[in-house]
């Protein structure tokens, strides 16, 4: 049995060039039986189209940890006195938390910056 190569490549959407180049290189590499690659990126159309055949193999991590993210947003907002008052005066406070989580679409830095700016 020959050598095998497995790799995890995170953030392919961060590539500063044409993303189709990344896709082409990955397709060439994975055409060899001994090479397995797991790619990670934001769900951009260019990647969705290129890998739609294997969409069943897609793992959206931020959806798996959505409950934890929601609790974290609530906890950080609760540190501010204004949010505690809001919880008692306006039942839509949960909508605010969910909107923050939804709009960030798993980008944790975005969530952190928004929540801290509200406190």
Protein backbone atom coordinates (compact mmCIF):
# COMPACT_ATOMS: atom_id res chain seq x y z
CA UNK A 1 0.00 0.00 0.00
CA UNK A 2 1.33 3.42 -0.98
CA UNK A 3 1.43 6.63 0.98
CA UNK A 4 -1.82 8.42 1.75
CA UNK A 5 -2.31 12.13 2.30
CA UNK A 6 -5.16 13.75 4.22
CA UNK A 7 -5.49 17.45 4.79
CA UNK A 8 -7.90 19.98 6.26
CA UNK A 9 -7.80 23.35 4.51
CA UNK A 10 -9.69 26.05 6.36
CA UNK A 11 -10.87 29.36 4.94
CA UNK A 12 -10.52 28.80 1.20
CA UNK A 13 -12.84 31.81 0.80
CA UNK A 14 -10.00 33.94 2.19
CA UNK A 15 -7.88 33.34 -0.93
CA UNK A 16 -7.06 36.71 -2.44
CA UNK A 17 -7.32 35.59 -6.06
CA UNK A 18 -9.84 33.90 -8.30
CA UNK A 19 -11.59 31.25 -6.21
CA UNK A 20 -12.03 29.09 -9.29
CA UNK A 21 -8.24 28.58 -9.18
CA UNK A 22 -8.55 27.04 -5.72
CA UNK A 23 -11.37 24.79 -6.91
CA UNK A 24 -9.33 23.67 -9.93
CA UNK A 25 -6.29 22.83 -7.79
CA UNK A 26 -8.41 20.94 -5.25
CA UNK A 27 -10.10 18.98 -8.04
CA UNK A 28 -6.72 17.99 -9.48
CA UNK A 29 -5.37 16.94 -6.10
CA UNK A 30 -8.45 14.93 -5.14
CA UNK A 31 -8.45 13.08 -8.45
CA UNK A 32 -5.70 10.90 -6.92
CA UNK A 33 -7.04 8.04 -4.79
CA UNK A 34 -4.36 8.57 -2.14
CA UNK A 35 -5.34 12.20 -1.47
CA UNK A 36 -8.30 13.23 0.68
CA UNK A 37 -9.03 16.88 1.40
CA UNK A 38 -11.62 18.51 3.63
CA UNK A 39 -12.25 22.14 2.64
CA UNK A 40 -13.71 24.83 4.82
CA UNK A 41 -15.20 28.13 3.65
CA UNK A 42 -18.16 30.37 3.98
CA UNK A 43 -21.07 29.20 1.80
CA UNK A 44 -20.21 31.28 -1.25
CA UNK A 45 -21.95 30.55 -4.54
CA UNK A 46 -18.71 29.70 -6.35
CA UNK A 47 -18.01 26.88 -3.87
CA UNK A 48 -21.65 25.77 -3.65
CA UNK A 49 -21.79 25.35 -7.43
CA UNK A 50 -18.43 23.61 -7.68
CA UNK A 51 -19.24 21.06 -5.00
CA UNK A 52 -22.99 20.61 -5.36
CA UNK A 53 -22.48 16.93 -6.23
CA UNK A 54 -21.15 16.33 -2.72
CA UNK A 55 -23.56 18.67 -0.96
CA UNK A 56 -24.65 15.77 1.24
CA UNK A 57 -21.18 15.89 2.71
CA UNK A 58 -21.52 19.53 3.72
CA UNK A 59 -21.14 20.33 7.41
CA UNK A 60 -22.37 23.72 8.58
CA UNK A 61 -20.67 23.99 11.95
CA UNK A 62 -22.39 27.20 12.99
CA UNK A 63 -25.75 25.44 12.66
CA UNK A 64 -24.56 22.69 14.99
CA UNK A 65 -23.56 25.20 17.65
CA UNK A 66 -26.41 27.68 17.07
CA UNK A 67 -27.91 27.09 20.52
CA UNK A 68 -24.54 27.75 22.17
CA UNK A 69 -24.03 30.91 20.10
CA UNK A 70 -27.51 32.13 21.07
CA UNK A 71 -26.80 31.54 24.77
CA UNK A 72 -23.47 33.35 24.47
CA UNK A 73 -25.09 36.38 22.82
CA UNK A 74 -27.75 36.48 25.54
CA UNK A 75 -25.12 36.16 28.29
CA UNK A 76 -22.91 38.93 26.91
CA UNK A 77 -25.87 41.26 26.35
CA UNK A 78 -27.08 40.52 29.89
CA UNK A 79 -23.88 42.08 31.22
CA UNK A 80 -25.27 45.47 30.20
CA UNK A 81 -27.87 47.08 32.45
CA UNK A 82 -29.89 48.28 29.47
CA UNK A 83 -30.47 44.76 28.21
CA UNK A 84 -31.67 43.58 31.61
CA UNK A 85 -34.25 46.40 31.62
CA UNK A 86 -35.23 45.52 28.05
CA UNK A 87 -35.90 41.91 29.04
CA UNK A 88 -38.50 43.10 31.55
CA UNK A 89 -40.14 45.76 29.39
CA UNK A 90 -40.14 44.31 25.88
CA UNK A 91 -40.72 40.67 25.05
CA UNK A 92 -39.08 41.15 21.65
CA UNK A 93 -35.61 40.95 23.23
CA UNK A 94 -35.40 37.33 22.07
CA UNK A 95 -36.00 38.52 18.50
CA UNK A 96 -32.98 40.82 18.84
CA UNK A 97 -30.78 37.94 19.96
CA UNK A 98 -31.97 35.68 17.14
CA UNK A 99 -31.51 38.42 14.56
CA UNK A 100 -27.90 38.92 15.65
CA UNK A 101 -27.24 35.19 15.39
CA UNK A 102 -29.01 34.90 12.01
CA UNK A 103 -27.37 37.91 10.37
CA UNK A 104 -23.88 36.86 11.45
CA UNK A 105 -24.35 33.52 9.67
CA UNK A 106 -21.77 31.82 11.84
CA UNK A 107 -19.10 34.52 11.65
CA UNK A 108 -18.23 34.61 15.34
CA UNK A 109 -16.14 37.78 15.11
CA UNK A 110 -19.16 39.59 13.68
CA UNK A 111 -21.30 38.38 16.56
CA UNK A 112 -18.71 39.48 19.11
CA UNK A 113 -18.36 42.97 17.59
CA UNK A 114 -22.11 43.56 17.36
CA UNK A 115 -22.83 42.34 20.86
CA UNK A 116 -20.03 44.35 22.41
CA UNK A 117 -21.17 47.49 20.60
CA UNK A 118 -24.64 47.07 22.10
CA UNK A 119 -23.41 46.72 25.69
